[in-house]
PDB file of N, CA and C in Angstrom:
ATOM      1  N   UNK A   1     -25.503  22.139 -10.968  1.00  0.00           N
ATOM      2  CA  UNK A   1     -25.191  21.455 -11.044  1.00  0.00           C
ATOM      3  C   UNK A   1     -23.911  20.635 -10.963  1.00  0.00           C
ATOM      4  N   UNK A   2     -23.192  20.885 -11.848  1.00  0.00           N
ATOM      5  CA  UNK A   2     -21.350  20.225 -12.096  1.00  0.00           C
ATOM      6  C   UNK A   2     -21.073  20.502 -10.386  1.00  0.00           C
ATOM      7  N   UNK A   3     -21.450  21.626  -9.646  1.00  0.00           N
ATOM      8  CA  UNK A   3     -20.531  21.116  -8.313  1.00  0.00           C
ATOM      9  C   UNK A   3     -21.343  20.421  -7.767  1.00  0.00           C
ATOM     10  N   UNK A   4     -22.828  19.853  -7.570  1.00  0.00           N
ATOM     11  CA  UNK A   4     -23.569  19.073  -6.852  1.00  0.00           C
ATOM     12  C   UNK A   4     -22.732  17.773  -6.879  1.00  0.00           C
ATOM     13  N   UNK A   5     -22.693  17.582  -8.331  1.00  0.00           N
ATOM     14  CA  UNK A   5     -22.157  15.853  -8.827  1.00  0.00           C
ATOM     15  C   UNK A   5     -20.662  16.004  -8.513  1.00  0.00           C
ATOM     16  N   UNK A   6     -19.627  16.760  -8.280  1.00  0.00           N
ATOM     17  CA  UNK A   6     -18.158  16.863  -7.894  1.00  0.00           C
ATOM     18  C   UNK A   6     -18.288  16.923  -6.616  1.00  0.00           C
ATOM     19  N   UNK A   7     -19.393  17.632  -5.662  1.00  0.00           N
ATOM     20  CA  UNK A   7     -19.336  16.915  -3.919  1.00  0.00           C
ATOM     21  C   UNK A   7     -19.711  15.282  -4.017  1.00  0.00           C
ATOM     22  N   UNK A   8     -20.551  14.758  -4.632  1.00  0.00           N
ATOM     23  CA  UNK A   8     -21.209  13.823  -4.557  1.00  0.00           C
ATOM     24  C   UNK A   8     -19.922  12.699  -4.676  1.00  0.00           C
ATOM     25  N   UNK A   9     -19.104  12.818  -5.859  1.00  0.00           N
ATOM     26  CA  UNK A   9     -18.102  11.914  -5.998  1.00  0.00           C
ATOM     27  C   UNK A   9     -16.789  12.409  -4.879  1.00  0.00           C
ATOM     28  N   UNK A  10     -17.182  13.028  -3.959  1.00  0.00           N
ATOM     29  CA  UNK A  10     -15.832  13.367  -4.013  1.00  0.00           C
ATOM     30  C   UNK A  10     -15.929  12.433  -2.217  1.00  0.00           C
ATOM     31  N   UNK A  11     -17.574  13.060  -1.938  1.00  0.00           N
ATOM     32  CA  UNK A  11     -18.072  11.690  -0.594  1.00  0.00           C
ATOM     33  C   UNK A  11     -17.955  10.056  -1.082  1.00  0.00           C
ATOM     34  N   UNK A  12     -18.088  10.103  -2.141  1.00  0.00           N
ATOM     35  CA  UNK A  12     -17.794   8.327  -2.809  1.00  0.00           C
ATOM     36  C   UNK A  12     -16.797   8.086  -2.206  1.00  0.00           C
ATOM     37  N   UNK A  13     -15.762   9.252  -2.533  1.00  0.00           N
ATOM     38  CA  UNK A  13     -14.559   8.177  -2.770  1.00  0.00           C
ATOM     39  C   UNK A  13     -14.198   8.690  -1.528  1.00  0.00           C
ATOM     40  N   UNK A  14     -14.395   8.822  -0.736  1.00  0.00           N
ATOM     41  CA  UNK A  14     -14.853   9.086   0.959  1.00  0.00           C
ATOM     42  C   UNK A  14     -14.337   8.047   1.976  1.00  0.00           C
ATOM     43  N   UNK A  15     -15.489   7.653   0.599  1.00  0.00           N
ATOM     44  CA  UNK A  15     -16.058   5.841   1.181  1.00  0.00           C
ATOM     45  C   UNK A  15     -15.355   4.814   1.575  1.00  0.00           C
ATOM     46  N   UNK A  16     -13.939   4.988   1.004  1.00  0.00           N
ATOM     47  CA  UNK A  16     -13.707   3.589   0.104  1.00  0.00           C
ATOM     48  C   UNK A  16     -12.788   3.134   1.684  1.00  0.00           C
ATOM     49  N   UNK A  17     -13.217   1.826   1.494  1.00  0.00           N
ATOM     50  CA  UNK A  17     -12.147   1.060   3.008  1.00  0.00           C
ATOM     51  C   UNK A  17     -12.412   1.774   4.701  1.00  0.00           C
ATOM     52  N   UNK A  18     -13.571   2.078   4.585  1.00  0.00           N
ATOM     53  CA  UNK A  18     -14.204   3.067   5.627  1.00  0.00           C
ATOM     54  C   UNK A  18     -14.675   1.860   6.375  1.00  0.00           C
ATOM     55  N   UNK A  19     -15.483   0.944   6.305  1.00  0.00           N
ATOM     56  CA  UNK A  19     -15.862  -0.482   7.072  1.00  0.00           C
ATOM     57  C   UNK A  19     -15.264  -1.558   7.425  1.00  0.00           C
ATOM     58  N   UNK A  20     -15.533  -2.075   7.905  1.00  0.00           N
ATOM     59  CA  UNK A  20     -15.309  -3.543   8.265  1.00  0.00           C
ATOM     60  C   UNK A  20     -14.898  -4.289   6.996  1.00  0.00           C
ATOM     61  N   UNK A  21     -13.732  -4.158   6.432  1.00  0.00           N
ATOM     62  CA  UNK A  21     -13.492  -4.799   5.334  1.00  0.00           C
ATOM     63  C   UNK A  21     -11.897  -5.533   5.741  1.00  0.00           C
ATOM     64  N   UNK A  22     -12.221  -6.927   5.936  1.00  0.00           N
ATOM     65  CA  UNK A  22     -10.888  -7.753   5.609  1.00  0.00           C
ATOM     66  C   UNK A  22      -9.920  -8.192   5.110  1.00  0.00           C
ATOM     67  N   UNK A  23      -9.011  -8.789   5.739  1.00  0.00           N
ATOM     68  CA  UNK A  23      -7.919  -9.159   4.293  1.00  0.00           C
ATOM     69  C   UNK A  23      -8.252 -10.324   3.486  1.00  0.00           C
ATOM     70  N   UNK A  24      -8.763 -10.800   4.310  1.00  0.00           N
ATOM     71  CA  UNK A  24     -10.033 -12.191   3.362  1.00  0.00           C
ATOM     72  C   UNK A  24     -10.860 -11.438   1.976  1.00  0.00           C
ATOM     73  N   UNK A  25     -11.064 -10.588   2.441  1.00  0.00           N
ATOM     74  CA  UNK A  25     -11.950  -9.873   1.306  1.00  0.00           C
ATOM     75  C   UNK A  25     -11.395  -8.996   0.389  1.00  0.00           C
ATOM     76  N   UNK A  26     -10.051  -8.563   0.540  1.00  0.00           N
ATOM     77  CA  UNK A  26      -9.331  -8.208   0.030  1.00  0.00           C
ATOM     78  C   UNK A  26      -8.771  -9.051  -1.102  1.00  0.00           C
ATOM     79  N   UNK A  27      -8.156 -10.449  -0.192  1.00  0.00           N
ATOM     80  CA  UNK A  27      -7.522 -11.038  -0.978  1.00  0.00           C
ATOM     81  C   UNK A  27      -8.164 -11.893  -2.276  1.00  0.00           C
ATOM     82  N   UNK A  28      -9.295 -12.085  -1.909  1.00  0.00           N
ATOM     83  CA  UNK A  28     -10.745 -12.715  -3.139  1.00  0.00           C
ATOM     84  C   UNK A  28     -11.072 -11.284  -4.115  1.00  0.00           C
ATOM     85  N   UNK A  29     -11.321  -9.943  -3.540  1.00  0.00           N
ATOM     86  CA  UNK A  29     -11.611  -9.312  -4.729  1.00  0.00           C
ATOM     87  C   UNK A  29     -11.057  -8.529  -5.538  1.00  0.00           C
ATOM     88  N   UNK A  30      -9.471  -8.143  -4.586  1.00  0.00           N
ATOM     89  CA  UNK A  30      -8.879  -7.273  -5.580  1.00  0.00           C
ATOM     90  C   UNK A  30      -7.568  -8.194  -6.249  1.00  0.00           C
ATOM     91  N   UNK A  31      -7.619  -8.035  -7.692  1.00  0.00           N
ATOM     92  CA  UNK A  31      -6.841  -9.010  -8.391  1.00  0.00           C
ATOM     93  C   UNK A  31      -5.071  -8.710  -8.557  1.00  0.00           C
ATOM     94  N   UNK A  32      -5.269  -7.430  -8.171  1.00  0.00           N
ATOM     95  CA  UNK A  32      -3.679  -7.042  -8.543  1.00  0.00           C
ATOM     96  C   UNK A  32      -2.851  -7.084  -7.273  1.00  0.00           C
ATOM     97  N   UNK A  33      -1.930  -8.124  -7.303  1.00  0.00           N
ATOM     98  CA  UNK A  33      -1.032  -7.824  -5.769  1.00  0.00           C
ATOM     99  C   UNK A  33      -0.454  -6.394  -5.618  1.00  0.00           C
ATOM    100  N   UNK A  34      -0.507  -6.160  -6.288  1.00  0.00           N
ATOM    101  CA  UNK A  34       0.826  -4.587  -5.586  1.00  0.00           C
ATOM    102  C   UNK A  34      -0.645  -3.976  -5.128  1.00  0.00           C
ATOM    103  N   UNK A  35      -1.616  -3.987  -5.331  1.00  0.00           N
ATOM    104  CA  UNK A  35      -3.005  -2.956  -4.642  1.00  0.00           C
ATOM    105  C   UNK A  35      -2.903  -3.426  -3.261  1.00  0.00           C
ATOM    106  N   UNK A  36      -3.290  -4.935  -3.202  1.00  0.00           N
ATOM    107  CA  UNK A  36      -3.619  -5.782  -2.349  1.00  0.00           C
ATOM    108  C   UNK A  36      -2.634  -5.341  -0.928  1.00  0.00           C
ATOM    109  N   UNK A  37      -1.179  -5.200  -1.489  1.00  0.00           N
ATOM    110  CA  UNK A  37      -0.247  -5.079  -0.586  1.00  0.00           C
ATOM    111  C   UNK A  37      -0.118  -3.891   0.417  1.00  0.00           C
ATOM    112  N   UNK A  38      -0.111  -2.744  -0.734  1.00  0.00           N
ATOM    113  CA  UNK A  38      -0.339  -1.262  -0.307  1.00  0.00           C
ATOM    114  C   UNK A  38      -1.676  -1.077   0.424  1.00  0.00           C
ATOM    115  N   UNK A  39      -2.880  -2.289   0.511  1.00  0.00           N
ATOM    116  CA  UNK A  39      -4.342  -1.805   1.132  1.00  0.00           C
ATOM    117  C   UNK A  39      -3.674  -2.532   2.217  1.00  0.00           C
ATOM    118  N   UNK A  40      -3.169  -3.736   2.540  1.00  0.00           N
ATOM    119  CA  UNK A  40      -2.359  -4.799   3.647  1.00  0.00           C
ATOM    120  C   UNK A  40      -1.485  -3.753   4.652  1.00  0.00           C
ATOM    121  N   UNK A  41      -0.640  -3.182   4.325  1.00  0.00           N
ATOM    122  CA  UNK A  41      -0.012  -2.867   4.441  1.00  0.00           C
ATOM    123  C   UNK A  41      -0.727  -1.195   5.486  1.00  0.00           C
ATOM    124  N   UNK A  42      -1.068  -0.787   4.907  1.00  0.00           N
ATOM    125  CA  UNK A  42      -1.350   0.632   5.214  1.00  0.00           C
ATOM    126  C   UNK A  42      -2.874   0.413   6.576  1.00  0.00           C
ATOM    127  N   UNK A  43      -3.515  -0.543   6.292  1.00  0.00           N
ATOM    128  CA  UNK A  43      -3.865  -0.958   7.522  1.00  0.00           C
ATOM    129  C   UNK A  43      -2.995  -1.504   8.741  1.00  0.00           C
ATOM    130  N   UNK A  44      -1.525  -1.935   8.523  1.00  0.00           N
ATOM    131  CA  UNK A  44      -1.070  -2.465   9.575  1.00  0.00           C
ATOM    132  C   UNK A  44      -0.167  -0.771  10.108  1.00  0.00           C
ATOM    133  N   UNK A  45      -0.084  -0.190   9.114  1.00  0.00           N
ATOM    134  CA  UNK A  45       0.771   1.412   9.060  1.00  0.00           C
ATOM    135  C   UNK A  45      -0.767   2.030  10.679  1.00  0.00           C
ATOM    136  N   UNK A  46      -1.924   2.035  10.046  1.00  0.00           N
ATOM    137  CA  UNK A  46      -2.636   2.520  11.309  1.00  0.00           C
ATOM    138  C   UNK A  46      -3.419   1.784  12.219  1.00  0.00           C
ATOM    139  N   UNK A  47      -2.940   0.381  12.206  1.00  0.00           N
ATOM    140  CA  UNK A  47      -3.536  -0.118  13.716  1.00  0.00           C
ATOM    141  C   UNK A  47      -2.317   0.415  14.563  1.00  0.00           C
ATOM    142  N   UNK A  48      -0.968   0.821  14.490  1.00  0.00           N
ATOM    143  CA  UNK A  48      -0.100   1.176  15.507  1.00  0.00           C
ATOM    144  C   UNK A  48      -0.250   2.756  16.402  1.00  0.00           C
ATOM    145  N   UNK A  49       0.050   2.871  17.603  1.00  0.00           N
ATOM    146  CA  UNK A  49      -0.356   4.173  17.671  1.00  0.00           C
ATOM    147  C   UNK A  49       0.805   4.686  18.518  1.00  0.00           C
ATOM    148  N   UNK A  50       0.955   5.758  18.273  1.00  0.00           N
ATOM    149  CA  UNK A  50       0.987   6.446  16.744  1.00  0.00           C
ATOM    150  C   UNK A  50       0.716   5.636  15.443  1.00  0.00           C
ATOM    151  N   UNK A  51       0.463   6.349  14.906  1.00  0.00           N
ATOM    152  CA  UNK A  51       0.444   5.476  12.826  1.00  0.00           C
ATOM    153  C   UNK A  51       1.651   5.747  12.901  1.00  0.00           C
ATOM    154  N   UNK A  52       2.121   4.398  12.196  1.00  0.00           N
ATOM    155  CA  UNK A  52       3.804   4.299  11.476  1.00  0.00           C
ATOM    156  C   UNK A  52       3.651   4.835  10.152  1.00  0.00           C
ATOM    157  N   UNK A  53       4.887   5.111  10.163  1.00  0.00           N
ATOM    158  CA  UNK A  53       5.036   5.917   8.245  1.00  0.00           C
ATOM    159  C   UNK A  53       5.999   4.790   7.082  1.00  0.00           C
ATOM    160  N   UNK A  54       6.175   3.808   8.394  1.00  0.00           N
ATOM    161  CA  UNK A  54       7.299   3.268   7.257  1.00  0.00           C
ATOM    162  C   UNK A  54       6.515   1.036   8.181  1.00  0.00           C
ATOM    163  N   UNK A  55       7.372   0.473   7.105  1.00  0.00           N
ATOM    164  CA  UNK A  55       6.641  -1.013   8.048  1.00  0.00           C
ATOM    165  C   UNK A  55       7.606  -1.995   7.220  1.00  0.00           C
ATOM    166  N   UNK A  56       8.122  -2.832   8.219  1.00  0.00           N
ATOM    167  CA  UNK A  56       8.893  -3.893   7.651  1.00  0.00           C
ATOM    168  C   UNK A  56       8.013  -4.970   6.735  1.00  0.00           C
ATOM    169  N   UNK A  57       8.040  -5.751   5.903  1.00  0.00           N
ATOM    170  CA  UNK A  57       7.052  -5.391   5.033  1.00  0.00           C
ATOM    171  C   UNK A  57       7.740  -7.913   5.097  1.00  0.00           C
ATOM    172  N   UNK A  58       7.699  -8.496   6.389  1.00  0.00           N
ATOM    173  CA  UNK A  58       7.515  -9.343   7.356  1.00  0.00           C
ATOM    174  C   UNK A  58       6.517 -10.600   6.554  1.00  0.00           C
ATOM    175  N   UNK A  59       6.668 -11.602   6.536  1.00  0.00           N
ATOM    176  CA  UNK A  59       6.030 -12.292   6.236  1.00  0.00           C
ATOM    177  C   UNK A  59       4.940 -12.770   6.616  1.00  0.00           C
ATOM    178  N   UNK A  60       4.406 -11.885   7.537  1.00  0.00           N
ATOM    179  CA  UNK A  60       3.473 -11.900   7.675  1.00  0.00           C
ATOM    180  C   UNK A  60       2.403 -11.055   6.959  1.00  0.00           C
ATOM    181  N   UNK A  61       2.880  -9.660   6.594  1.00  0.00           N
ATOM    182  CA  UNK A  61       2.761  -9.188   5.774  1.00  0.00           C
ATOM    183  C   UNK A  61       2.046  -9.605   4.575  1.00  0.00           C
ATOM    184  N   UNK A  62       3.557 -10.488   4.051  1.00  0.00           N
ATOM    185  CA  UNK A  62       3.186 -10.715   2.071  1.00  0.00           C
ATOM    186  C   UNK A  62       1.682 -11.859   2.610  1.00  0.00           C
ATOM    187  N   UNK A  63       1.802 -12.461   3.829  1.00  0.00           N
ATOM    188  CA  UNK A  63       0.924 -13.756   3.366  1.00  0.00           C
ATOM    189  C   UNK A  63      -0.972 -12.671   3.975  1.00  0.00           C
ATOM    190  N   UNK A  64      -0.881 -11.643   4.223  1.00  0.00           N
ATOM    191  CA  UNK A  64      -1.764 -11.383   4.835  1.00  0.00           C
ATOM    192  C   UNK A  64      -2.922 -10.812   3.160  1.00  0.00           C
ATOM    193  N   UNK A  65      -1.712 -10.158   2.094  1.00  0.00           N
ATOM    194  CA  UNK A  65      -2.071  -9.804   1.168  1.00  0.00           C
ATOM    195  C   UNK A  65      -1.955 -10.626  -0.062  1.00  0.00           C
ATOM    196  N   UNK A  66      -2.408 -12.216   0.582  1.00  0.00           N
ATOM    197  CA  UNK A  66      -2.690 -12.948  -0.661  1.00  0.00           C
ATOM    198  C   UNK A  66      -1.102 -13.039  -1.524  1.00  0.00           C
ATOM    199  N   UNK A  67       0.332 -12.715  -1.086  1.00  0.00           N
ATOM    200  CA  UNK A  67       1.192 -13.073  -2.231  1.00  0.00           C
ATOM    201  C   UNK A  67       2.407 -13.983  -1.310  1.00  0.00           C
ATOM    202  N   UNK A  68       2.241 -15.142  -1.695  1.00  0.00           N
ATOM    203  CA  UNK A  68       2.871 -16.277  -0.782  1.00  0.00           C
ATOM    204  C   UNK A  68       4.154 -16.838  -2.070  1.00  0.00           C
ATOM    205  N   UNK A  69       3.839 -16.232  -3.267  1.00  0.00           N
ATOM    206  CA  UNK A  69       5.750 -16.432  -4.037  1.00  0.00           C
ATOM    207  C   UNK A  69       6.837 -15.750  -3.841  1.00  0.00           C
ATOM    208  N   UNK A  70       8.023 -16.246  -3.729  1.00  0.00           N
ATOM    209  CA  UNK A  70       9.027 -15.333  -3.549  1.00  0.00           C
ATOM    210  C   UNK A  70       9.215 -14.960  -4.889  1.00  0.00           C
ATOM    211  N   UNK A  71       9.127 -15.523  -6.194  1.00  0.00           N
ATOM    212  CA  UNK A  71       9.495 -14.959  -7.344  1.00  0.00           C
ATOM    213  C   UNK A  71       8.281 -13.607  -7.624  1.00  0.00           C
ATOM    214  N   UNK A  72       7.314 -13.604  -6.840  1.00  0.00           N
ATOM    215  CA  UNK A  72       6.400 -12.188  -7.537  1.00  0.00           C
ATOM    216  C   UNK A  72       6.382 -11.201  -5.935  1.00  0.00           C
ATOM    217  N   UNK A  73       7.319 -11.563  -5.264  1.00  0.00           N
ATOM    218  CA  UNK A  73       7.371 -10.231  -4.173  1.00  0.00           C
ATOM    219  C   UNK A  73       8.582  -9.357  -5.200  1.00  0.00           C
ATOM    220  N   UNK A  74       9.656  -9.976  -5.472  1.00  0.00           N
ATOM    221  CA  UNK A  74      10.354  -8.479  -6.185  1.00  0.00           C
ATOM    222  C   UNK A  74       9.247  -7.491  -7.565  1.00  0.00           C
ATOM    223  N   UNK A  75       8.473  -8.399  -8.094  1.00  0.00           N
ATOM    224  CA  UNK A  75       7.588  -7.795  -9.067  1.00  0.00           C
ATOM    225  C   UNK A  75       6.960  -6.791  -8.430  1.00  0.00           C
ATOM    226  N   UNK A  76       6.532  -6.476  -7.108  1.00  0.00           N
ATOM    227  CA  UNK A  76       5.289  -6.319  -6.783  1.00  0.00           C
ATOM    228  C   UNK A  76       6.308  -4.664  -6.407  1.00  0.00           C
ATOM    229  N   UNK A  77       7.447  -5.272  -5.566  1.00  0.00           N
ATOM    230  CA  UNK A  77       8.228  -3.936  -5.076  1.00  0.00           C
ATOM    231  C   UNK A  77       8.475  -2.782  -6.038  1.00  0.00           C
ATOM    232  N   UNK A  78       8.979  -3.716  -7.345  1.00  0.00           N
ATOM    233  CA  UNK A  78       9.475  -2.681  -8.510  1.00  0.00           C
ATOM    234  C   UNK A  78       8.422  -2.064  -8.843  1.00  0.00           C
ATOM    235  N   UNK A  79       7.167  -2.816  -8.831  1.00  0.00           N
ATOM    236  CA  UNK A  79       5.615  -2.077  -9.554  1.00  0.00           C
ATOM    237  C   UNK A  79       5.388  -0.387  -7.967  1.00  0.00           C
ATOM    238  N   UNK A  80       5.731  -1.355  -7.296  1.00  0.00           N
ATOM    239  CA  UNK A  80       5.000  -0.074  -6.299  1.00  0.00           C
ATOM    240  C   UNK A  80       6.607   1.616  -6.549  1.00  0.00           C
ATOM    241  N   UNK A  81       7.846   0.977  -6.642  1.00  0.00           N
ATOM    242  CA  UNK A  81       8.767   2.078  -7.336  1.00  0.00           C
ATOM    243  C   UNK A  81       8.256   2.963  -8.254  1.00  0.00           C
ATOM    244  N   UNK A  82       7.858   1.721  -9.417  1.00  0.00           N
ATOM    245  CA  UNK A  82       7.304   3.066 -10.773  1.00  0.00           C
ATOM    246  C   UNK A  82       6.292   3.566 -11.010  1.00  0.00           C
ATOM    247  N   UNK A  83       5.003   2.833 -10.043  1.00  0.00           N
ATOM    248  CA  UNK A  83       3.230   3.330 -10.293  1.00  0.00           C
ATOM    249  C   UNK A  83       3.504   3.910  -8.858  1.00  0.00           C
ATOM    250  N   UNK A  84       3.513   4.128  -7.368  1.00  0.00           N
ATOM    251  CA  UNK A  84       3.004   5.154  -6.515  1.00  0.00           C
ATOM    252  C   UNK A  84       3.812   5.325  -5.831  1.00  0.00           C
ATOM    253  N   UNK A  85       3.324   6.925  -6.140  1.00  0.00           N
ATOM    254  CA  UNK A  85       4.288   7.696  -5.621  1.00  0.00           C
ATOM    255  C   UNK A  85       4.220   8.511  -4.500  1.00  0.00           C
ATOM    256  N   UNK A  86       3.326   7.946  -3.972  1.00  0.00           N
ATOM    257  CA  UNK A  86       3.079   7.989  -2.335  1.00  0.00           C
ATOM    258  C   UNK A  86       4.203   7.322  -1.414  1.00  0.00           C
ATOM    259  N   UNK A  87       4.450   6.361  -1.718  1.00  0.00           N
ATOM    260  CA  UNK A  87       5.385   4.562  -1.126  1.00  0.00           C
ATOM    261  C   UNK A  87       6.694   4.819  -1.464  1.00  0.00           C
ATOM    262  N   UNK A  88       7.650   4.595  -1.146  1.00  0.00           N
ATOM    263  CA  UNK A  88       8.765   4.543  -1.713  1.00  0.00           C
ATOM    264  C   UNK A  88       9.624   2.869  -0.471  1.00  0.00           C
ATOM    265  N   UNK A  89      10.271   1.760  -1.442  1.00  0.00           N
ATOM    266  CA  UNK A  89      10.725   0.885  -0.722  1.00  0.00           C
ATOM    267  C   UNK A  89      12.123   1.148  -0.690  1.00  0.00           C
ATOM    268  N   UNK A  90      12.542   0.610   0.492  1.00  0.00           N
ATOM    269  CA  UNK A  90      14.123   0.631   1.147  1.00  0.00           C
ATOM    270  C   UNK A  90      13.898  -0.572   0.485  1.00  0.00           C
ATOM    271  N   UNK A  91      15.155  -1.603   0.692  1.00  0.00           N
ATOM    272  CA  UNK A  91      15.619  -2.942   0.338  1.00  0.00           C
ATOM    273  C   UNK A  91      17.305  -2.845   1.053  1.00  0.00           C
ATOM    274  N   UNK A  92      17.380  -3.647   1.928  1.00  0.00           N
ATOM    275  CA  UNK A  92      17.936  -4.149   2.714  1.00  0.00           C
ATOM    276  C   UNK A  92      18.603  -5.374   2.360  1.00  0.00           C
ATOM    277  N   UNK A  93      20.111  -5.989   2.138  1.00  0.00           N
ATOM    278  CA  UNK A  93      20.897  -6.566   1.872  1.00  0.00           C
ATOM    279  C   UNK A  93      20.645  -7.995   2.896  1.00  0.00           C
ATOM    280  N   UNK A  94      20.135  -9.273   2.267  1.00  0.00           N
ATOM    281  CA  UNK A  94      20.029 -10.099   3.915  1.00  0.00           C
ATOM    282  C   UNK A  94      18.535 -10.012   4.698  1.00  0.00           C
ATOM    283  N   UNK A  95      18.346  -8.419   4.651  1.00  0.00           N
ATOM    284  CA  UNK A  95      16.470  -8.598   5.656  1.00  0.00           C
ATOM    285  C   UNK A  95      15.588  -7.503   5.021  1.00  0.00           C
ATOM    286  N   UNK A  96      14.670  -7.816   5.872  1.00  0.00           N
ATOM    287  CA  UNK A  96      12.850  -7.596   5.000  1.00  0.00           C
ATOM    288  C   UNK A  96      12.724  -5.933   4.351  1.00  0.00           C
ATOM    289  N   UNK A  97      12.509  -6.097   3.415  1.00  0.00           N
ATOM    290  CA  UNK A  97      12.342  -4.456   3.110  1.00  0.00           C
ATOM    291  C   UNK A  97      11.305  -3.812   3.813  1.00  0.00           C
ATOM    292  N   UNK A  98      11.693  -2.559   3.526  1.00  0.00           N
ATOM    293  CA  UNK A  98      11.161  -1.891   4.273  1.00  0.00           C
ATOM    294  C   UNK A  98       9.883  -0.970   3.418  1.00  0.00           C
ATOM    295  N   UNK A  99       8.355  -0.674   3.808  1.00  0.00           N
ATOM    296  CA  UNK A  99       7.832  -0.118   2.865  1.00  0.00           C
ATOM    297  C   UNK A  99       7.458   1.385   3.732  1.00  0.00           C
ATOM    298  N   UNK A 100       8.281   2.741   3.259  1.00  0.00           N
ATOM    299  CA  UNK A 100       8.159   3.616   3.091  1.00  0.00           C
ATOM    300  C   UNK A 100       6.450   4.478   2.637  1.00  0.00           C
ATOM    301  N   UNK A 101       6.198   5.277   3.793  1.00  0.00           N
ATOM    302  CA  UNK A 101       4.912   6.619   3.009  1.00  0.00           C
ATOM    303  C   UNK A 101       5.779   7.831   3.026  1.00  0.00           C
ATOM    304  N   UNK A 102       5.507   8.381   2.060  1.00  0.00           N
ATOM    305  CA  UNK A 102       5.640   9.735   2.047  1.00  0.00           C
ATOM    306  C   UNK A 102       7.097   9.772   0.489  1.00  0.00           C
ATOM    307  N   UNK A 103       7.792  10.586   0.737  1.00  0.00           N
ATOM    308  CA  UNK A 103       8.770  11.261   0.127  1.00  0.00           C
ATOM    309  C   UNK A 103       9.861  10.528  -0.066  1.00  0.00           C
ATOM    310  N   UNK A 104      11.026  10.008  -0.714  1.00  0.00           N
ATOM    311  CA  UNK A 104      12.086   9.494  -0.866  1.00  0.00           C
ATOM    312  C   UNK A 104      12.925  10.188  -0.524  1.00  0.00           C
ATOM    313  N   UNK A 105      13.417  10.331   0.668  1.00  0.00           N
ATOM    314  CA  UNK A 105      14.184  11.540   0.522  1.00  0.00           C
ATOM    315  C   UNK A 105      15.770  11.470   0.151  1.00  0.00           C
ATOM    316  N   UNK A 106      15.921   9.986  -0.598  1.00  0.00           N
ATOM    317  CA  UNK A 106      17.046   9.668  -1.839  1.00  0.00           C
ATOM    318  C   UNK A 106      17.145  10.406  -3.370  1.00  0.00           C
ATOM    319  N   UNK A 107      15.723  10.521  -3.670  1.00  0.00           N
ATOM    320  CA  UNK A 107      15.250  11.019  -5.217  1.00  0.00           C
ATOM    321  C   UNK A 107      15.112  12.259  -5.478  1.00  0.00           C
ATOM    322  N   UNK A 108      15.801  12.410  -6.321  1.00  0.00           N
ATOM    323  CA  UNK A 108      16.312  13.824  -7.147  1.00  0.00           C
ATOM    324  C   UNK A 108      15.405  14.404  -7.909  1.00  0.00           C
ATOM    325  N   UNK A 109      14.459  15.517  -7.109  1.00  0.00           N
ATOM    326  CA  UNK A 109      13.463  15.959  -7.912  1.00  0.00           C
ATOM    327  C   UNK A 109      13.895  17.460  -8.125  1.00  0.00           C
ATOM    328  N   UNK A 110      13.230  18.013  -9.066  1.00  0.00           N
ATOM    329  CA  UNK A 110      13.346  18.911 -10.325  1.00  0.00           C
ATOM    330  C   UNK A 110      12.965  20.266  -9.248  1.00  0.00           C
ATOM    331  N   UNK A 111      13.953  21.460  -9.573  1.00  0.00           N
ATOM    332  CA  UNK A 111      13.011  22.460  -8.574  1.00  0.00           C
ATOM    333  C   UNK A 111      12.612  23.531  -9.522  1.00  0.00           C
TER     334      UNK A 111
END
């Protein structure tokens, strides 16, 4: 019985964002701006052929995620650095930030 519930839960977890979910739906139904940015960036990464591992966070990306305030952007990037283990942000002086998927090569990890 427990295995059946675990299998059902795994199938339901795989259903997330597999259908035609628009950016407008994401903006109106997901209150957390960090989550919206990750979902929109992931969609743009998968649009390219082959799929990208990094994406410049241009104004188009921020707008699609519904983050229009310049003051809110650094807070979102800080939250990605603190809480999203699969992503890391490269900040470039005078240029747009880059969101990378994967492990940070500059991060020191204990062995």
